[in-house]
Amino acid sequence: MNRAKNVRIRNRAVILMLMPVTTLLWLIGWTLFWTGSKTKPQKPKPTPQTNTTITTTILLENEEYNT
């Protein structure tokens, strides 16, 4: 019976030690999320338009040779 009580106390002690760390990490994450959503999204830089034409060619082999 004494062991079960010690385990229960140890579990509570671990939870109490981890609670401030968890709270701090949550606060940092929430702050980063909140400030990130307040900033305006950056507009992409316009790319210069180039008129490049692409031509395709099909080369066929002749089966007849001129002899």
Protein backbone atom coordinates (compact mmCIF):
# COMPACT_ATOMS: atom_id res chain seq x y z
CA MET A 1 0.00 0.00 0.00
CA ASN A 2 2.91 2.31 0.72
CA ARG A 3 4.37 1.87 -2.78
CA ALA A 4 1.16 2.89 -4.52
CA LYS A 5 1.06 6.09 -2.51
CA ASN A 6 4.69 6.89 -3.42
CA VAL A 7 4.00 6.32 -7.11
CA ARG A 8 0.98 8.61 -6.98
CA ILE A 9 3.00 11.34 -5.27
CA ARG A 10 5.83 10.93 -7.79
CA ASN A 11 3.38 11.23 -10.70
CA ARG A 12 1.94 14.44 -9.28
CA ALA A 13 5.45 15.83 -8.74
CA VAL A 14 6.39 15.11 -12.35
CA ILE A 15 3.21 16.77 -13.61
CA LEU A 16 3.83 19.83 -11.44
CA MET A 17 7.41 20.08 -12.73
CA LEU A 18 6.38 19.76 -16.40
CA MET A 19 3.44 22.16 -16.22
CA PRO A 20 5.52 25.41 -16.29
CA VAL A 21 7.62 24.13 -19.19
CA THR A 22 4.54 23.11 -21.14
CA THR A 23 2.85 26.43 -20.43
CA LEU A 24 5.93 28.40 -21.53
CA LEU A 25 6.24 26.45 -24.80
CA TRP A 26 2.54 26.88 -25.50
CA LEU A 27 2.79 30.63 -24.84
CA ILE A 28 5.76 31.00 -27.19
CA GLY A 29 3.99 29.03 -29.93
CA TRP A 30 0.77 30.97 -29.58
CA THR A 31 2.64 34.28 -29.67
CA LEU A 32 4.46 33.30 -32.86
CA PHE A 33 1.20 32.16 -34.44
CA TRP A 34 -0.62 35.34 -33.43
CA THR A 35 2.09 37.72 -34.69
CA GLY A 36 2.45 35.73 -37.91
CA SER A 37 -1.24 36.05 -38.71
CA LYS A 38 -1.17 39.83 -38.14
CA THR A 39 1.48 40.52 -40.79
CA LYS A 40 0.43 41.15 -44.36
CA PRO A 41 1.30 38.40 -46.81
CA GLN A 42 4.15 39.38 -49.08
CA LYS A 43 3.28 39.98 -52.69
CA PRO A 44 5.34 38.00 -55.17
CA LYS A 45 7.67 40.04 -57.32
CA PRO A 46 6.40 40.36 -60.88
CA THR A 47 8.51 38.44 -63.34
CA PRO A 48 9.37 40.14 -66.61
CA GLN A 49 7.39 38.80 -69.53
CA THR A 50 9.53 37.39 -72.30
CA ASN A 51 8.09 36.34 -75.62
CA THR A 52 10.00 33.19 -76.29
CA THR A 53 8.68 30.89 -78.94
CA ILE A 54 9.41 27.23 -78.83
CA THR A 55 9.48 25.37 -82.10
CA THR A 56 9.42 21.64 -82.37
CA THR A 57 10.80 19.64 -85.27
CA ILE A 58 10.38 16.03 -86.19
CA LEU A 59 13.21 14.49 -88.16
CA LEU A 60 12.36 11.48 -90.25
CA GLU A 61 14.81 9.09 -91.84
CA ASN A 62 14.52 8.33 -95.52
CA GLU A 63 14.25 4.66 -96.29
CA GLU A 64 15.40 5.16 -99.86
CA TYR A 65 18.92 6.19 -100.58
CA ASN A 66 19.78 8.05 -103.73
CA THR A 67 22.34 5.94 -105.56
